[in-house]
Amino acid sequence: MNFKSITASWAIALCLLGIFSLVKQPTLGESADESVIKVPQEKAPKNEEQLSELEARVWCALDGHQIAQVRFNGQLHSLQGAMAIAPEWDGNELTENQAKLIKPCIQQRLQHLTANTPGQHQEEPVLAYLFTQI
């Protein structure tokens, strides 16, 4: 085989792979609303500190496909989950078991949020949480 035939083979293989990946696109759930959790207005944060605590709770409790929406200072905030420690959380109070499981994660996330200043290198919060819990 010469160089041109090897190059052509790779080009064909990559084109086929690209076409196959376009055909096999992942499908989302039946409804996009399934992954959006509306935080009740009475549970909405009253100040920036409470908003940070809610962001940490959402980040720890929900998975990356779930979003919690809350109204704060007249604006709708969408907070995305990440760790999926309590993905069944519905925006109300956490159960005792859920609270026990995500408390270390929330503390770690809040510590990361308050310590993360521009220009300062920070480790990934997921890794920090995992290494403090092992």
C-alpha atoms as a PDB file:
ATOM      1  CA  MET A   1       0.000   0.000   0.000  1.00  0.00           C
ATOM      2  CA  ASN A   2       1.164   3.460  -0.730  1.00  0.00           C
ATOM      3  CA  PHE A   3       0.609   6.654   1.214  1.00  0.00           C
ATOM      4  CA  LYS A   4      -2.281   7.869  -0.972  1.00  0.00           C
ATOM      5  CA  SER A   5      -4.315   4.696  -0.477  1.00  0.00           C
ATOM      6  CA  ILE A   6      -3.741   4.761   3.289  1.00  0.00           C
ATOM      7  CA  THR A   7      -4.830   8.406   3.424  1.00  0.00           C
ATOM      8  CA  ALA A   8      -7.902   7.663   1.314  1.00  0.00           C
ATOM      9  CA  SER A   9      -8.808   4.710   3.561  1.00  0.00           C
ATOM     10  CA  TRP A  10      -8.595   6.899   6.660  1.00  0.00           C
ATOM     11  CA  ALA A  11     -10.649   9.648   5.035  1.00  0.00           C
ATOM     12  CA  ILE A  12     -13.374   7.162   4.071  1.00  0.00           C
ATOM     13  CA  ALA A  13     -13.346   5.627   7.561  1.00  0.00           C
ATOM     14  CA  LEU A  14     -13.671   9.036   9.222  1.00  0.00           C
ATOM     15  CA  CYS A  15     -16.516  10.037   6.896  1.00  0.00           C
ATOM     16  CA  LEU A  16     -18.368   6.816   7.675  1.00  0.00           C
ATOM     17  CA  LEU A  17     -17.791   7.328  11.392  1.00  0.00           C
ATOM     18  CA  GLY A  18     -19.129  10.891  11.134  1.00  0.00           C
ATOM     19  CA  ILE A  19     -22.229   9.768   9.257  1.00  0.00           C
ATOM     20  CA  PHE A  20     -22.841   6.958  11.741  1.00  0.00           C
ATOM     21  CA  SER A  21     -22.503   9.322  14.715  1.00  0.00           C
ATOM     22  CA  LEU A  22     -25.022  11.726  13.151  1.00  0.00           C
ATOM     23  CA  VAL A  23     -27.510   8.905  12.622  1.00  0.00           C
ATOM     24  CA  LYS A  24     -27.116   7.641  16.209  1.00  0.00           C
ATOM     25  CA  GLN A  25     -27.726  10.952  17.975  1.00  0.00           C
ATOM     26  CA  PRO A  26     -28.801  10.439  21.597  1.00  0.00           C
ATOM     27  CA  THR A  27     -32.443  11.100  22.292  1.00  0.00           C
ATOM     28  CA  LEU A  28     -33.656  13.200  25.152  1.00  0.00           C
ATOM     29  CA  GLY A  29     -36.485  12.212  27.453  1.00  0.00           C
ATOM     30  CA  GLU A  30     -40.055  12.444  26.268  1.00  0.00           C
ATOM     31  CA  SER A  31     -40.443  15.884  27.771  1.00  0.00           C
ATOM     32  CA  ALA A  32     -37.843  18.539  28.538  1.00  0.00           C
ATOM     33  CA  ASP A  33     -39.927  19.574  31.564  1.00  0.00           C
ATOM     34  CA  GLU A  34     -39.111  16.270  33.283  1.00  0.00           C
ATOM     35  CA  SER A  35     -35.596  17.513  34.052  1.00  0.00           C
ATOM     36  CA  VAL A  36     -36.618  20.997  35.249  1.00  0.00           C
ATOM     37  CA  ILE A  37     -37.390  21.354  38.946  1.00  0.00           C
ATOM     38  CA  LYS A  38     -39.178  24.501  40.031  1.00  0.00           C
ATOM     39  CA  VAL A  39     -38.113  25.634  43.492  1.00  0.00           C
ATOM     40  CA  PRO A  40     -41.218  26.871  45.360  1.00  0.00           C
ATOM     41  CA  GLN A  41     -41.307  30.632  45.914  1.00  0.00           C
ATOM     42  CA  GLU A  42     -41.439  30.195  49.698  1.00  0.00           C
ATOM     43  CA  LYS A  43     -38.128  28.273  49.465  1.00  0.00           C
ATOM     44  CA  ALA A  44     -36.538  30.914  47.208  1.00  0.00           C
ATOM     45  CA  PRO A  45     -33.344  32.544  48.504  1.00  0.00           C
ATOM     46  CA  LYS A  46     -33.631  35.935  50.166  1.00  0.00           C
ATOM     47  CA  ASN A  47     -29.980  37.000  49.738  1.00  0.00           C
ATOM     48  CA  GLU A  48     -26.797  36.135  47.801  1.00  0.00           C
ATOM     49  CA  GLU A  49     -25.569  33.755  50.508  1.00  0.00           C
ATOM     50  CA  GLN A  50     -28.775  31.717  50.348  1.00  0.00           C
ATOM     51  CA  LEU A  51     -28.539  31.687  46.545  1.00  0.00           C
ATOM     52  CA  SER A  52     -25.007  30.258  46.806  1.00  0.00           C
ATOM     53  CA  GLU A  53     -26.253  27.625  49.255  1.00  0.00           C
ATOM     54  CA  LEU A  54     -29.063  26.687  46.876  1.00  0.00           C
ATOM     55  CA  GLU A  55     -26.620  26.509  43.963  1.00  0.00           C
ATOM     56  CA  ALA A  56     -24.421  24.156  46.000  1.00  0.00           C
ATOM     57  CA  ARG A  57     -27.420  22.022  46.986  1.00  0.00           C
ATOM     58  CA  VAL A  58     -28.567  21.737  43.364  1.00  0.00           C
ATOM     59  CA  TRP A  59     -25.028  21.000  42.169  1.00  0.00           C
ATOM     60  CA  CYS A  60     -24.681  18.175  44.688  1.00  0.00           C
ATOM     61  CA  ALA A  61     -28.204  16.736  44.633  1.00  0.00           C
ATOM     62  CA  LEU A  62     -29.121  16.701  40.955  1.00  0.00           C
ATOM     63  CA  ASP A  63     -27.418  15.185  37.939  1.00  0.00           C
ATOM     64  CA  GLY A  64     -26.057  17.069  34.944  1.00  0.00           C
ATOM     65  CA  HIS A  65     -29.314  16.690  33.008  1.00  0.00           C
ATOM     66  CA  GLN A  66     -31.437  18.257  35.750  1.00  0.00           C
ATOM     67  CA  ILE A  67     -31.952  21.972  36.264  1.00  0.00           C
ATOM     68  CA  ALA A  68     -33.547  23.760  39.195  1.00  0.00           C
ATOM     69  CA  GLN A  69     -35.242  27.065  38.460  1.00  0.00           C
ATOM     70  CA  VAL A  70     -35.716  29.687  41.130  1.00  0.00           C
ATOM     71  CA  ARG A  71     -36.758  33.330  41.081  1.00  0.00           C
ATOM     72  CA  PHE A  72     -34.330  35.626  42.924  1.00  0.00           C
ATOM     73  CA  ASN A  73     -34.516  39.439  42.884  1.00  0.00           C
ATOM     74  CA  GLY A  74     -37.072  39.297  40.098  1.00  0.00           C
ATOM     75  CA  GLN A  75     -34.881  37.196  37.809  1.00  0.00           C
ATOM     76  CA  LEU A  76     -35.288  33.533  36.946  1.00  0.00           C
ATOM     77  CA  HIS A  77     -32.089  31.601  37.713  1.00  0.00           C
ATOM     78  CA  SER A  78     -31.431  28.159  36.237  1.00  0.00           C
ATOM     79  CA  LEU A  79     -29.063  26.119  38.371  1.00  0.00           C
ATOM     80  CA  GLN A  80     -27.617  22.921  36.923  1.00  0.00           C
ATOM     81  CA  GLY A  81     -26.912  19.768  38.865  1.00  0.00           C
ATOM     82  CA  ALA A  82     -23.732  17.717  38.630  1.00  0.00           C
ATOM     83  CA  MET A  83     -23.127  15.070  41.304  1.00  0.00           C
ATOM     84  CA  ALA A  84     -26.511  13.233  41.389  1.00  0.00           C
ATOM     85  CA  ILE A  85     -26.305  12.340  45.067  1.00  0.00           C
ATOM     86  CA  ALA A  86     -30.058  12.865  45.514  1.00  0.00           C
ATOM     87  CA  PRO A  87     -31.473  13.122  41.957  1.00  0.00           C
ATOM     88  CA  GLU A  88     -35.028  12.550  43.197  1.00  0.00           C
ATOM     89  CA  TRP A  89     -34.946  15.867  45.115  1.00  0.00           C
ATOM     90  CA  ASP A  90     -38.030  17.882  44.121  1.00  0.00           C
ATOM     91  CA  GLY A  91     -37.011  21.393  45.197  1.00  0.00           C
ATOM     92  CA  ASN A  92     -38.575  21.219  48.659  1.00  0.00           C
ATOM     93  CA  GLU A  93     -36.836  20.202  51.867  1.00  0.00           C
ATOM     94  CA  LEU A  94     -34.376  17.337  51.629  1.00  0.00           C
ATOM     95  CA  THR A  95     -35.218  14.160  53.484  1.00  0.00           C
ATOM     96  CA  GLU A  96     -33.044  13.345  56.478  1.00  0.00           C
ATOM     97  CA  ASN A  97     -31.182  10.689  54.503  1.00  0.00           C
ATOM     98  CA  GLN A  98     -30.658  12.982  51.492  1.00  0.00           C
ATOM     99  CA  ALA A  99     -29.392  15.783  53.732  1.00  0.00           C
ATOM    100  CA  LYS A 100     -26.956  13.421  55.445  1.00  0.00           C
ATOM    101  CA  LEU A 101     -25.613  12.194  52.116  1.00  0.00           C
ATOM    102  CA  ILE A 102     -25.089  15.568  50.460  1.00  0.00           C
ATOM    103  CA  LYS A 103     -23.949  17.652  53.451  1.00  0.00           C
ATOM    104  CA  PRO A 104     -20.195  17.034  52.839  1.00  0.00           C
ATOM    105  CA  CYS A 105     -20.636  17.803  49.145  1.00  0.00           C
ATOM    106  CA  ILE A 106     -22.466  21.063  49.863  1.00  0.00           C
ATOM    107  CA  GLN A 107     -19.742  22.146  52.292  1.00  0.00           C
ATOM    108  CA  GLN A 108     -17.049  21.342  49.741  1.00  0.00           C
ATOM    109  CA  ARG A 109     -18.908  23.175  46.968  1.00  0.00           C
ATOM    110  CA  LEU A 110     -19.488  26.272  49.118  1.00  0.00           C
ATOM    111  CA  GLN A 111     -15.825  26.252  50.075  1.00  0.00           C
ATOM    112  CA  HIS A 112     -14.909  26.075  46.397  1.00  0.00           C
ATOM    113  CA  LEU A 113     -17.322  28.876  45.461  1.00  0.00           C
ATOM    114  CA  THR A 114     -16.006  31.228  48.153  1.00  0.00           C
ATOM    115  CA  ALA A 115     -12.328  30.399  47.587  1.00  0.00           C
ATOM    116  CA  ASN A 116     -12.471  30.562  43.803  1.00  0.00           C
ATOM    117  CA  THR A 117     -11.088  33.969  42.944  1.00  0.00           C
ATOM    118  CA  PRO A 118      -9.931  35.061  39.481  1.00  0.00           C
ATOM    119  CA  GLY A 119      -6.301  34.235  38.762  1.00  0.00           C
ATOM    120  CA  GLN A 120      -6.114  31.616  41.488  1.00  0.00           C
ATOM    121  CA  HIS A 121      -5.699  27.995  40.404  1.00  0.00           C
ATOM    122  CA  GLN A 122      -8.334  25.742  41.930  1.00  0.00           C
ATOM    123  CA  GLU A 123      -8.670  22.006  41.689  1.00  0.00           C
ATOM    124  CA  GLU A 124     -11.833  20.571  40.202  1.00  0.00           C
ATOM    125  CA  PRO A 125     -14.585  20.518  42.874  1.00  0.00           C
ATOM    126  CA  VAL A 126     -15.689  17.025  41.815  1.00  0.00           C
ATOM    127  CA  LEU A 127     -12.209  15.659  42.435  1.00  0.00           C
ATOM    128  CA  ALA A 128     -11.865  17.570  45.694  1.00  0.00           C
ATOM    129  CA  TYR A 129     -15.143  16.108  46.934  1.00  0.00           C
ATOM    130  CA  LEU A 130     -14.226  12.581  45.883  1.00  0.00           C
ATOM    131  CA  PHE A 131     -10.769  12.702  47.444  1.00  0.00           C
ATOM    132  CA  THR A 132     -12.066  14.094  50.737  1.00  0.00           C
ATOM    133  CA  GLN A 133     -14.677  11.324  50.942  1.00  0.00           C
ATOM    134  CA  ILE A 134     -12.406   8.339  50.127  1.00  0.00           C
END
